[in-house]
PDB file of N, CA and C in Angstrom:
ATOM      1  N   MET A   1      63.951  60.721 -41.442  1.00  0.00           N
ATOM      2  CA  MET A   1      62.583  60.663 -40.971  1.00  0.00           C
ATOM      3  C   MET A   1      62.268  61.985 -40.299  1.00  0.00           C
ATOM      4  N   ARG A   2      61.064  62.441 -40.507  1.00  0.00           N
ATOM      5  CA  ARG A   2      60.614  63.639 -39.817  1.00  0.00           C
ATOM      6  C   ARG A   2      60.288  63.253 -38.384  1.00  0.00           C
ATOM      7  N   HIS A   3      60.898  63.931 -37.460  1.00  0.00           N
ATOM      8  CA  HIS A   3      60.627  63.680 -36.044  1.00  0.00           C
ATOM      9  C   HIS A   3      59.721  64.800 -35.556  1.00  0.00           C
ATOM     10  N   SER A   4      58.483  64.699 -35.951  1.00  0.00           N
ATOM     11  CA  SER A   4      57.519  65.734 -35.635  1.00  0.00           C
ATOM     12  C   SER A   4      57.000  65.565 -34.213  1.00  0.00           C
ATOM     13  N   LEU A   5      56.956  66.645 -33.474  1.00  0.00           N
ATOM     14  CA  LEU A   5      56.351  66.615 -32.160  1.00  0.00           C
ATOM     15  C   LEU A   5      54.843  66.782 -32.276  1.00  0.00           C
ATOM     16  N   THR A   6      54.398  67.252 -33.427  1.00  0.00           N
ATOM     17  CA  THR A   6      52.991  67.493 -33.645  1.00  0.00           C
ATOM     18  C   THR A   6      52.453  66.488 -34.651  1.00  0.00           C
ATOM     19  N   VAL A   7      51.457  65.752 -34.235  1.00  0.00           N
ATOM     20  CA  VAL A   7      50.785  64.813 -35.114  1.00  0.00           C
ATOM     21  C   VAL A   7      49.857  65.621 -36.016  1.00  0.00           C
ATOM     22  N   PRO A   8      49.737  65.243 -37.292  1.00  0.00           N
ATOM     23  CA  PRO A   8      48.844  65.998 -38.176  1.00  0.00           C
ATOM     24  C   PRO A   8      47.447  66.158 -37.582  1.00  0.00           C
ATOM     25  N   HIS A   9      46.856  67.317 -37.799  1.00  0.00           N
ATOM     26  CA  HIS A   9      45.513  67.620 -37.292  1.00  0.00           C
ATOM     27  C   HIS A   9      44.473  66.993 -38.208  1.00  0.00           C
ATOM     28  N   ASP A  10      44.434  65.703 -38.169  1.00  0.00           N
ATOM     29  CA  ASP A  10      43.534  64.903 -38.986  1.00  0.00           C
ATOM     30  C   ASP A  10      42.756  64.042 -38.002  1.00  0.00           C
ATOM     31  N   PRO A  11      41.423  64.076 -38.022  1.00  0.00           N
ATOM     32  CA  PRO A  11      40.658  63.322 -37.022  1.00  0.00           C
ATOM     33  C   PRO A  11      40.931  61.825 -37.034  1.00  0.00           C
ATOM     34  N   VAL A  12      41.221  61.261 -38.190  1.00  0.00           N
ATOM     35  CA  VAL A  12      41.524  59.827 -38.261  1.00  0.00           C
ATOM     36  C   VAL A  12      42.865  59.546 -37.587  1.00  0.00           C
ATOM     37  N   VAL A  13      43.846  60.387 -37.847  1.00  0.00           N
ATOM     38  CA  VAL A  13      45.159  60.233 -37.211  1.00  0.00           C
ATOM     39  C   VAL A  13      45.038  60.451 -35.710  1.00  0.00           C
ATOM     40  N   GLN A  14      44.307  61.475 -35.311  1.00  0.00           N
ATOM     41  CA  GLN A  14      44.138  61.767 -33.885  1.00  0.00           C
ATOM     42  C   GLN A  14      43.480  60.597 -33.159  1.00  0.00           C
ATOM     43  N   HIS A  15      42.471  59.988 -33.774  1.00  0.00           N
ATOM     44  CA  HIS A  15      41.809  58.826 -33.181  1.00  0.00           C
ATOM     45  C   HIS A  15      42.784  57.660 -33.061  1.00  0.00           C
ATOM     46  N   PHE A  16      43.569  57.424 -34.100  1.00  0.00           N
ATOM     47  CA  PHE A  16      44.563  56.353 -34.077  1.00  0.00           C
ATOM     48  C   PHE A  16      45.548  56.565 -32.926  1.00  0.00           C
ATOM     49  N   VAL A  17      46.059  57.770 -32.802  1.00  0.00           N
ATOM     50  CA  VAL A  17      47.039  58.073 -31.748  1.00  0.00           C
ATOM     51  C   VAL A  17      46.427  57.906 -30.359  1.00  0.00           C
ATOM     52  N   ARG A  18      45.216  58.343 -30.190  1.00  0.00           N
ATOM     53  CA  ARG A  18      44.550  58.286 -28.888  1.00  0.00           C
ATOM     54  C   ARG A  18      44.116  56.868 -28.520  1.00  0.00           C
ATOM     55  N   GLU A  19      43.544  56.131 -29.477  1.00  0.00           N
ATOM     56  CA  GLU A  19      42.917  54.844 -29.168  1.00  0.00           C
ATOM     57  C   GLU A  19      43.760  53.617 -29.507  1.00  0.00           C
ATOM     58  N   LEU A  20      44.478  53.650 -30.606  1.00  0.00           N
ATOM     59  CA  LEU A  20      45.155  52.438 -31.070  1.00  0.00           C
ATOM     60  C   LEU A  20      46.660  52.418 -30.790  1.00  0.00           C
ATOM     61  N   LEU A  21      47.292  53.564 -30.825  1.00  0.00           N
ATOM     62  CA  LEU A  21      48.731  53.612 -30.566  1.00  0.00           C
ATOM     63  C   LEU A  21      49.096  53.044 -29.193  1.00  0.00           C
ATOM     64  N   PRO A  22      48.369  53.383 -28.120  1.00  0.00           N
ATOM     65  CA  PRO A  22      48.697  52.771 -26.823  1.00  0.00           C
ATOM     66  C   PRO A  22      48.574  51.244 -26.838  1.00  0.00           C
ATOM     67  N   ARG A  23      47.621  50.735 -27.575  1.00  0.00           N
ATOM     68  CA  ARG A  23      47.456  49.280 -27.665  1.00  0.00           C
ATOM     69  C   ARG A  23      48.610  48.650 -28.435  1.00  0.00           C
ATOM     70  N   LEU A  24      49.084  49.307 -29.477  1.00  0.00           N
ATOM     71  CA  LEU A  24      50.235  48.788 -30.214  1.00  0.00           C
ATOM     72  C   LEU A  24      51.469  48.752 -29.320  1.00  0.00           C
ATOM     73  N   ARG A  25      51.632  49.783 -28.528  1.00  0.00           N
ATOM     74  CA  ARG A  25      52.768  49.846 -27.610  1.00  0.00           C
ATOM     75  C   ARG A  25      52.643  48.787 -26.510  1.00  0.00           C
ATOM     76  N   ASP A  26      51.476  48.703 -25.883  1.00  0.00           N
ATOM     77  CA  ASP A  26      51.304  47.850 -24.708  1.00  0.00           C
ATOM     78  C   ASP A  26      51.024  46.388 -25.041  1.00  0.00           C
ATOM     79  N   GLU A  27      50.141  46.129 -25.993  1.00  0.00           N
ATOM     80  CA  GLU A  27      49.735  44.761 -26.301  1.00  0.00           C
ATOM     81  C   GLU A  27      50.607  44.098 -27.368  1.00  0.00           C
ATOM     82  N   TRP A  28      51.211  44.896 -28.241  1.00  0.00           N
ATOM     83  CA  TRP A  28      51.990  44.350 -29.344  1.00  0.00           C
ATOM     84  C   TRP A  28      53.484  44.623 -29.191  1.00  0.00           C
ATOM     85  N   ALA A  29      53.886  45.288 -28.125  1.00  0.00           N
ATOM     86  CA  ALA A  29      55.297  45.598 -27.871  1.00  0.00           C
ATOM     87  C   ALA A  29      55.948  46.298 -29.063  1.00  0.00           C
ATOM     88  N   ALA A  30      55.180  47.174 -29.716  1.00  0.00           N
ATOM     89  CA  ALA A  30      55.703  47.874 -30.892  1.00  0.00           C
ATOM     90  C   ALA A  30      56.895  48.739 -30.509  1.00  0.00           C
ATOM     91  N   GLU A  31      57.951  48.623 -31.294  1.00  0.00           N
ATOM     92  CA  GLU A  31      59.154  49.428 -31.097  1.00  0.00           C
ATOM     93  C   GLU A  31      59.088  50.719 -31.904  1.00  0.00           C
ATOM     94  N   HIS A  32      58.460  50.631 -33.063  1.00  0.00           N
ATOM     95  CA  HIS A  32      58.251  51.802 -33.915  1.00  0.00           C
ATOM     96  C   HIS A  32      56.847  51.724 -34.488  1.00  0.00           C
ATOM     97  N   VAL A  33      56.198  52.871 -34.578  1.00  0.00           N
ATOM     98  CA  VAL A  33      54.977  53.034 -35.362  1.00  0.00           C
ATOM     99  C   VAL A  33      55.192  54.323 -36.138  1.00  0.00           C
ATOM    100  N   ILE A  34      55.177  54.202 -37.459  1.00  0.00           N
ATOM    101  CA  ILE A  34      55.488  55.340 -38.315  1.00  0.00           C
ATOM    102  C   ILE A  34      54.315  55.584 -39.261  1.00  0.00           C
ATOM    103  N   LEU A  35      53.791  56.778 -39.207  1.00  0.00           N
ATOM    104  CA  LEU A  35      52.733  57.214 -40.110  1.00  0.00           C
ATOM    105  C   LEU A  35      53.387  57.730 -41.384  1.00  0.00           C
ATOM    106  N   PHE A  36      52.883  57.282 -42.533  1.00  0.00           N
ATOM    107  CA  PHE A  36      53.414  57.788 -43.798  1.00  0.00           C
ATOM    108  C   PHE A  36      52.265  57.936 -44.783  1.00  0.00           C
ATOM    109  N   GLY A  37      52.556  58.465 -45.940  1.00  0.00           N
ATOM    110  CA  GLY A  37      51.529  58.638 -46.955  1.00  0.00           C
ATOM    111  C   GLY A  37      50.801  59.973 -46.821  1.00  0.00           C
ATOM    112  N   SER A  38      49.632  60.042 -47.443  1.00  0.00           N
ATOM    113  CA  SER A  38      48.912  61.317 -47.540  1.00  0.00           C
ATOM    114  C   SER A  38      48.522  61.893 -46.182  1.00  0.00           C
ATOM    115  N   ARG A  39      48.129  61.051 -45.256  1.00  0.00           N
ATOM    116  CA  ARG A  39      47.726  61.582 -43.938  1.00  0.00           C
ATOM    117  C   ARG A  39      48.931  62.138 -43.179  1.00  0.00           C
ATOM    118  N   ALA A  40      50.090  61.549 -43.342  1.00  0.00           N
ATOM    119  CA  ALA A  40      51.306  62.068 -42.698  1.00  0.00           C
ATOM    120  C   ALA A  40      51.686  63.427 -43.279  1.00  0.00           C
ATOM    121  N   ARG A  41      51.407  63.596 -44.564  1.00  0.00           N
ATOM    122  CA  ARG A  41      51.718  64.872 -45.224  1.00  0.00           C
ATOM    123  C   ARG A  41      50.645  65.926 -44.993  1.00  0.00           C
ATOM    124  N   GLY A  42      49.568  65.562 -44.305  1.00  0.00           N
ATOM    125  CA  GLY A  42      48.479  66.501 -44.083  1.00  0.00           C
ATOM    126  C   GLY A  42      47.609  66.682 -45.308  1.00  0.00           C
ATOM    127  N   GLN A  43      47.646  65.708 -46.237  1.00  0.00           N
ATOM    128  CA  GLN A  43      46.886  65.795 -47.481  1.00  0.00           C
ATOM    129  C   GLN A  43      45.768  64.756 -47.553  1.00  0.00           C
ATOM    130  N   GLY A  44      45.467  64.117 -46.436  1.00  0.00           N
ATOM    131  CA  GLY A  44      44.432  63.091 -46.432  1.00  0.00           C
ATOM    132  C   GLY A  44      43.049  63.673 -46.637  1.00  0.00           C
ATOM    133  N   HIS A  45      42.183  62.858 -47.196  1.00  0.00           N
ATOM    134  CA  HIS A  45      40.783  63.242 -47.350  1.00  0.00           C
ATOM    135  C   HIS A  45      39.935  62.133 -46.748  1.00  0.00           C
ATOM    136  N   GLN A  46      38.643  62.244 -46.828  1.00  0.00           N
ATOM    137  CA  GLN A  46      37.771  61.310 -46.122  1.00  0.00           C
ATOM    138  C   GLN A  46      37.977  59.858 -46.541  1.00  0.00           C
ATOM    139  N   TRP A  47      38.448  59.593 -47.743  1.00  0.00           N
ATOM    140  CA  TRP A  47      38.624  58.214 -48.210  1.00  0.00           C
ATOM    141  C   TRP A  47      40.082  57.752 -48.151  1.00  0.00           C
ATOM    142  N   SER A  48      40.972  58.550 -47.609  1.00  0.00           N
ATOM    143  CA  SER A  48      42.390  58.177 -47.538  1.00  0.00           C
ATOM    144  C   SER A  48      42.626  57.073 -46.516  1.00  0.00           C
ATOM    145  N   ASP A  49      43.534  56.170 -46.854  1.00  0.00           N
ATOM    146  CA  ASP A  49      43.970  55.140 -45.915  1.00  0.00           C
ATOM    147  C   ASP A  49      44.829  55.770 -44.830  1.00  0.00           C
ATOM    148  N   LEU A  50      44.961  55.046 -43.739  1.00  0.00           N
ATOM    149  CA  LEU A  50      45.872  55.425 -42.670  1.00  0.00           C
ATOM    150  C   LEU A  50      47.049  54.464 -42.777  1.00  0.00           C
ATOM    151  N   ASP A  51      48.089  54.904 -43.458  1.00  0.00           N
ATOM    152  CA  ASP A  51      49.258  54.062 -43.725  1.00  0.00           C
ATOM    153  C   ASP A  51      50.225  54.133 -42.554  1.00  0.00           C
ATOM    154  N   VAL A  52      50.488  52.988 -41.933  1.00  0.00           N
ATOM    155  CA  VAL A  52      51.428  52.929 -40.819  1.00  0.00           C
ATOM    156  C   VAL A  52      52.334  51.710 -40.963  1.00  0.00           C
ATOM    157  N   VAL A  53      53.580  51.906 -40.581  1.00  0.00           N
ATOM    158  CA  VAL A  53      54.509  50.802 -40.407  1.00  0.00           C
ATOM    159  C   VAL A  53      54.522  50.488 -38.924  1.00  0.00           C
ATOM    160  N   VAL A  54      54.352  49.223 -38.601  1.00  0.00           N
ATOM    161  CA  VAL A  54      54.395  48.763 -37.208  1.00  0.00           C
ATOM    162  C   VAL A  54      55.553  47.776 -37.101  1.00  0.00           C
ATOM    163  N   VAL A  55      56.478  48.064 -36.201  1.00  0.00           N
ATOM    164  CA  VAL A  55      57.643  47.204 -35.988  1.00  0.00           C
ATOM    165  C   VAL A  55      57.523  46.578 -34.607  1.00  0.00           C
ATOM    166  N   SER A  56      57.445  45.257 -34.581  1.00  0.00           N
ATOM    167  CA  SER A  56      57.254  44.556 -33.309  1.00  0.00           C
ATOM    168  C   SER A  56      57.908  43.182 -33.347  1.00  0.00           C
ATOM    169  N   PRO A  57      58.528  42.783 -32.241  1.00  0.00           N
ATOM    170  CA  PRO A  57      59.070  41.426 -32.172  1.00  0.00           C
ATOM    171  C   PRO A  57      57.969  40.369 -32.172  1.00  0.00           C
ATOM    172  N   ARG A  58      56.732  40.763 -31.909  1.00  0.00           N
ATOM    173  CA  ARG A  58      55.620  39.805 -31.919  1.00  0.00           C
ATOM    174  C   ARG A  58      55.346  39.244 -33.305  1.00  0.00           C
ATOM    175  N   PHE A  59      55.896  39.855 -34.336  1.00  0.00           N
ATOM    176  CA  PHE A  59      55.702  39.350 -35.695  1.00  0.00           C
ATOM    177  C   PHE A  59      56.717  38.261 -36.056  1.00  0.00           C
ATOM    178  N   SER A  60      57.693  38.038 -35.205  1.00  0.00           N
ATOM    179  CA  SER A  60      58.687  36.989 -35.469  1.00  0.00           C
ATOM    180  C   SER A  60      57.998  35.633 -35.554  1.00  0.00           C
ATOM    181  N   GLY A  61      58.362  34.883 -36.572  1.00  0.00           N
ATOM    182  CA  GLY A  61      57.791  33.557 -36.749  1.00  0.00           C
ATOM    183  C   GLY A  61      56.422  33.548 -37.410  1.00  0.00           C
ATOM    184  N   VAL A  62      55.890  34.732 -37.739  1.00  0.00           N
ATOM    185  CA  VAL A  62      54.595  34.829 -38.409  1.00  0.00           C
ATOM    186  C   VAL A  62      54.871  35.226 -39.858  1.00  0.00           C
ATOM    187  N   ARG A  63      54.279  34.500 -40.791  1.00  0.00           N
ATOM    188  CA  ARG A  63      54.483  34.841 -42.206  1.00  0.00           C
ATOM    189  C   ARG A  63      54.067  36.281 -42.452  1.00  0.00           C
ATOM    190  N   PHE A  64      54.822  36.971 -43.291  1.00  0.00           N
ATOM    191  CA  PHE A  64      54.573  38.382 -43.573  1.00  0.00           C
ATOM    192  C   PHE A  64      53.121  38.619 -43.978  1.00  0.00           C
ATOM    193  N   ILE A  65      52.594  37.787 -44.827  1.00  0.00           N
ATOM    194  CA  ILE A  65      51.229  37.935 -45.343  1.00  0.00           C
ATOM    195  C   ILE A  65      50.169  37.740 -44.258  1.00  0.00           C
ATOM    196  N   ASP A  66      50.504  37.055 -43.177  1.00  0.00           N
ATOM    197  CA  ASP A  66      49.548  36.789 -42.096  1.00  0.00           C
ATOM    198  C   ASP A  66      49.566  37.839 -40.991  1.00  0.00           C
ATOM    199  N   ARG A  67      50.536  38.720 -41.015  1.00  0.00           N
ATOM    200  CA  ARG A  67      50.694  39.678 -39.915  1.00  0.00           C
ATOM    201  C   ARG A  67      49.595  40.731 -39.880  1.00  0.00           C
ATOM    202  N   TRP A  68      49.362  41.407 -41.005  1.00  0.00           N
ATOM    203  CA  TRP A  68      48.400  42.513 -40.973  1.00  0.00           C
ATOM    204  C   TRP A  68      46.987  42.046 -40.657  1.00  0.00           C
ATOM    205  N   PRO A  69      46.514  40.889 -41.167  1.00  0.00           N
ATOM    206  CA  PRO A  69      45.161  40.485 -40.766  1.00  0.00           C
ATOM    207  C   PRO A  69      45.068  40.212 -39.258  1.00  0.00           C
ATOM    208  N   GLN A  70      46.123  39.648 -38.711  1.00  0.00           N
ATOM    209  CA  GLN A  70      46.161  39.369 -37.275  1.00  0.00           C
ATOM    210  C   GLN A  70      46.073  40.673 -36.477  1.00  0.00           C
ATOM    211  N   LEU A  71      46.846  41.644 -36.864  1.00  0.00           N
ATOM    212  CA  LEU A  71      46.849  42.946 -36.198  1.00  0.00           C
ATOM    213  C   LEU A  71      45.528  43.679 -36.424  1.00  0.00           C
ATOM    214  N   PHE A  72      45.053  43.632 -37.644  1.00  0.00           N
ATOM    215  CA  PHE A  72      43.802  44.285 -38.018  1.00  0.00           C
ATOM    216  C   PHE A  72      42.649  43.788 -37.148  1.00  0.00           C
ATOM    217  N   ARG A  73      42.526  42.479 -36.998  1.00  0.00           N
ATOM    218  CA  ARG A  73      41.460  41.908 -36.164  1.00  0.00           C
ATOM    219  C   ARG A  73      41.632  42.285 -34.698  1.00  0.00           C
ATOM    220  N   ALA A  74      42.849  42.240 -34.201  1.00  0.00           N
ATOM    221  CA  ALA A  74      43.113  42.554 -32.790  1.00  0.00           C
ATOM    222  C   ALA A  74      42.752  43.999 -32.453  1.00  0.00           C
ATOM    223  N   LEU A  75      42.865  44.876 -33.434  1.00  0.00           N
ATOM    224  CA  LEU A  75      42.569  46.292 -33.202  1.00  0.00           C
ATOM    225  C   LEU A  75      41.117  46.646 -33.513  1.00  0.00           C
ATOM    226  N   GLY A  76      40.308  45.674 -33.854  1.00  0.00           N
ATOM    227  CA  GLY A  76      38.893  45.925 -34.102  1.00  0.00           C
ATOM    228  C   GLY A  76      38.563  46.296 -35.529  1.00  0.00           C
ATOM    229  N   CYS A  77      39.444  45.958 -36.458  1.00  0.00           N
ATOM    230  CA  CYS A  77      39.200  46.149 -37.895  1.00  0.00           C
ATOM    231  C   CYS A  77      38.894  47.588 -38.301  1.00  0.00           C
ATOM    232  N   PRO A  78      39.710  48.563 -37.899  1.00  0.00           N
ATOM    233  CA  PRO A  78      39.451  49.934 -38.354  1.00  0.00           C
ATOM    234  C   PRO A  78      39.580  50.007 -39.878  1.00  0.00           C
ATOM    235  N   ALA A  79      38.519  50.404 -40.545  1.00  0.00           N
ATOM    236  CA  ALA A  79      38.426  50.337 -42.002  1.00  0.00           C
ATOM    237  C   ALA A  79      39.539  51.084 -42.719  1.00  0.00           C
ATOM    238  N   GLU A  80      39.983  52.201 -42.185  1.00  0.00           N
ATOM    239  CA  GLU A  80      40.971  53.016 -42.882  1.00  0.00           C
ATOM    240  C   GLU A  80      42.413  52.548 -42.657  1.00  0.00           C
ATOM    241  N   LEU A  81      42.639  51.665 -41.705  1.00  0.00           N
ATOM    242  CA  LEU A  81      43.993  51.259 -41.335  1.00  0.00           C
ATOM    243  C   LEU A  81      44.633  50.360 -42.388  1.00  0.00           C
ATOM    244  N   GLU A  82      45.844  50.720 -42.786  1.00  0.00           N
ATOM    245  CA  GLU A  82      46.655  49.928 -43.711  1.00  0.00           C
ATOM    246  C   GLU A  82      48.020  49.699 -43.057  1.00  0.00           C
ATOM    247  N   PRO A  83      48.119  48.706 -42.180  1.00  0.00           N
ATOM    248  CA  PRO A  83      49.398  48.475 -41.506  1.00  0.00           C
ATOM    249  C   PRO A  83      50.346  47.633 -42.353  1.00  0.00           C
ATOM    250  N   ILE A  84      51.614  47.977 -42.291  1.00  0.00           N
ATOM    251  CA  ILE A  84      52.689  47.172 -42.863  1.00  0.00           C
ATOM    252  C   ILE A  84      53.508  46.721 -41.662  1.00  0.00           C
ATOM    253  N   CYS A  85      53.616  45.417 -41.463  1.00  0.00           N
ATOM    254  CA  CYS A  85      54.153  44.861 -40.219  1.00  0.00           C
ATOM    255  C   CYS A  85      55.513  44.215 -40.427  1.00  0.00           C
ATOM    256  N   TYR A  86      56.501  44.669 -39.660  1.00  0.00           N
ATOM    257  CA  TYR A  86      57.861  44.158 -39.745  1.00  0.00           C
ATOM    258  C   TYR A  86      58.358  43.709 -38.377  1.00  0.00           C
ATOM    259  N   THR A  87      59.257  42.743 -38.384  1.00  0.00           N
ATOM    260  CA  THR A  87      60.019  42.446 -37.173  1.00  0.00           C
ATOM    261  C   THR A  87      61.097  43.523 -37.064  1.00  0.00           C
ATOM    262  N   PRO A  88      61.692  43.703 -35.891  1.00  0.00           N
ATOM    263  CA  PRO A  88      62.769  44.694 -35.770  1.00  0.00           C
ATOM    264  C   PRO A  88      63.938  44.405 -36.718  1.00  0.00           C
ATOM    265  N   GLU A  89      64.267  43.139 -36.890  1.00  0.00           N
ATOM    266  CA  GLU A  89      65.386  42.765 -37.764  1.00  0.00           C
ATOM    267  C   GLU A  89      65.080  43.098 -39.228  1.00  0.00           C
ATOM    268  N   GLU A  90      63.868  42.809 -39.655  1.00  0.00           N
ATOM    269  CA  GLU A  90      63.476  43.130 -41.036  1.00  0.00           C
ATOM    270  C   GLU A  90      63.512  44.626 -41.266  1.00  0.00           C
ATOM    271  N   PHE A  91      62.955  45.372 -40.329  1.00  0.00           N
ATOM    272  CA  PHE A  91      62.897  46.818 -40.504  1.00  0.00           C
ATOM    273  C   PHE A  91      64.293  47.416 -40.539  1.00  0.00           C
ATOM    274  N   GLU A  92      65.155  46.954 -39.685  1.00  0.00           N
ATOM    275  CA  GLU A  92      66.539  47.441 -39.675  1.00  0.00           C
ATOM    276  C   GLU A  92      67.198  47.210 -41.035  1.00  0.00           C
ATOM    277  N   ARG A  93      66.953  46.060 -41.614  1.00  0.00           N
ATOM    278  CA  ARG A  93      67.543  45.696 -42.903  1.00  0.00           C
ATOM    279  C   ARG A  93      66.892  46.472 -44.052  1.00  0.00           C
ATOM    280  N   TRP A  94      65.573  46.652 -44.039  1.00  0.00           N
ATOM    281  CA  TRP A  94      64.851  47.199 -45.185  1.00  0.00           C
ATOM    282  C   TRP A  94      64.631  48.700 -45.136  1.00  0.00           C
ATOM    283  N   ARG A  95      64.878  49.347 -44.014  1.00  0.00           N
ATOM    284  CA  ARG A  95      64.584  50.778 -43.943  1.00  0.00           C
ATOM    285  C   ARG A  95      65.504  51.622 -44.813  1.00  0.00           C
ATOM    286  N   GLU A  96      66.632  51.084 -45.211  1.00  0.00           N
ATOM    287  CA  GLU A  96      67.550  51.813 -46.083  1.00  0.00           C
ATOM    288  C   GLU A  96      67.324  51.486 -47.552  1.00  0.00           C
ATOM    289  N   GLN A  97      66.339  50.670 -47.852  1.00  0.00           N
ATOM    290  CA  GLN A  97      66.025  50.256 -49.218  1.00  0.00           C
ATOM    291  C   GLN A  97      64.951  51.164 -49.812  1.00  0.00           C
ATOM    292  N   PRO A  98      64.701  51.058 -51.119  1.00  0.00           N
ATOM    293  CA  PRO A  98      63.720  51.940 -51.752  1.00  0.00           C
ATOM    294  C   PRO A  98      62.254  51.536 -51.559  1.00  0.00           C
ATOM    295  N   GLY A  99      61.945  50.465 -50.864  1.00  0.00           N
ATOM    296  CA  GLY A  99      60.564  50.008 -50.682  1.00  0.00           C
ATOM    297  C   GLY A  99      59.803  50.784 -49.619  1.00  0.00           C
ATOM    298  N   ILE A 100      58.698  50.198 -49.170  1.00  0.00           N
ATOM    299  CA  ILE A 100      57.806  50.858 -48.215  1.00  0.00           C
ATOM    300  C   ILE A 100      58.516  51.188 -46.908  1.00  0.00           C
ATOM    301  N   ALA A 101      59.309  50.273 -46.390  1.00  0.00           N
ATOM    302  CA  ALA A 101      60.017  50.542 -45.133  1.00  0.00           C
ATOM    303  C   ALA A 101      60.922  51.767 -45.278  1.00  0.00           C
ATOM    304  N   GLY A 102      61.609  51.863 -46.402  1.00  0.00           N
ATOM    305  CA  GLY A 102      62.486  53.000 -46.650  1.00  0.00           C
ATOM    306  C   GLY A 102      61.734  54.307 -46.798  1.00  0.00           C
ATOM    307  N   ILE A 103      60.618  54.251 -47.514  1.00  0.00           N
ATOM    308  CA  ILE A 103      59.796  55.460 -47.683  1.00  0.00           C
ATOM    309  C   ILE A 103      59.280  55.934 -46.329  1.00  0.00           C
ATOM    310  N   ALA A 104      58.764  55.003 -45.542  1.00  0.00           N
ATOM    311  CA  ALA A 104      58.256  55.375 -44.211  1.00  0.00           C
ATOM    312  C   ALA A 104      59.373  55.963 -43.357  1.00  0.00           C
ATOM    313  N   TRP A 105      60.541  55.337 -43.374  1.00  0.00           N
ATOM    314  CA  TRP A 105      61.673  55.790 -42.567  1.00  0.00           C
ATOM    315  C   TRP A 105      62.123  57.194 -42.970  1.00  0.00           C
ATOM    316  N   ARG A 106      62.182  57.450 -44.286  1.00  0.00           N
ATOM    317  CA  ARG A 106      62.675  58.746 -44.770  1.00  0.00           C
ATOM    318  C   ARG A 106      61.613  59.840 -44.718  1.00  0.00           C
ATOM    319  N   GLU A 107      60.352  59.495 -44.983  1.00  0.00           N
ATOM    320  CA  GLU A 107      59.335  60.520 -45.152  1.00  0.00           C
ATOM    321  C   GLU A 107      58.255  60.528 -44.077  1.00  0.00           C
ATOM    322  N   GLY A 108      58.234  59.497 -43.261  1.00  0.00           N
ATOM    323  CA  GLY A 108      57.141  59.360 -42.308  1.00  0.00           C
ATOM    324  C   GLY A 108      57.281  60.177 -41.041  1.00  0.00           C
ATOM    325  N   VAL A 109      56.229  60.128 -40.270  1.00  0.00           N
ATOM    326  CA  VAL A 109      56.179  60.795 -38.963  1.00  0.00           C
ATOM    327  C   VAL A 109      56.195  59.701 -37.901  1.00  0.00           C
ATOM    328  N   ARG A 110      57.229  59.705 -37.090  1.00  0.00           N
ATOM    329  CA  ARG A 110      57.352  58.687 -36.052  1.00  0.00           C
ATOM    330  C   ARG A 110      56.366  58.976 -34.928  1.00  0.00           C
ATOM    331  N   LEU A 111      55.450  58.027 -34.718  1.00  0.00           N
ATOM    332  CA  LEU A 111      54.467  58.153 -33.639  1.00  0.00           C
ATOM    333  C   LEU A 111      54.937  57.443 -32.388  1.00  0.00           C
ATOM    334  N   LEU A 112      55.776  56.450 -32.575  1.00  0.00           N
ATOM    335  CA  LEU A 112      56.319  55.679 -31.446  1.00  0.00           C
ATOM    336  C   LEU A 112      57.718  55.220 -31.820  1.00  0.00           C
TER     337      LEU A 112
END
């Protein structure tokens, strides 16, 4: 994973870091928030999604398919946000696999 000290100079990413990241940390007890995809690479454009992996124990006991709508509503439905939500145990298991968790872990920018 890229451990960047500098968040991409993208206004959507900057807004997320300033406004939503503290809420994920404080209200959702997020252990990891990882930005990946085009915005993490600095290649985002006005219609690009904001792809993030959110790892939180608050997702335990919640069906995988129900997690992102719950988080999306709690954060005020930011249109560009595309969260992928894992429990810490799931993320630990899947981050070494070839799926989204693995891609985020290997190529993403750790925000939290």
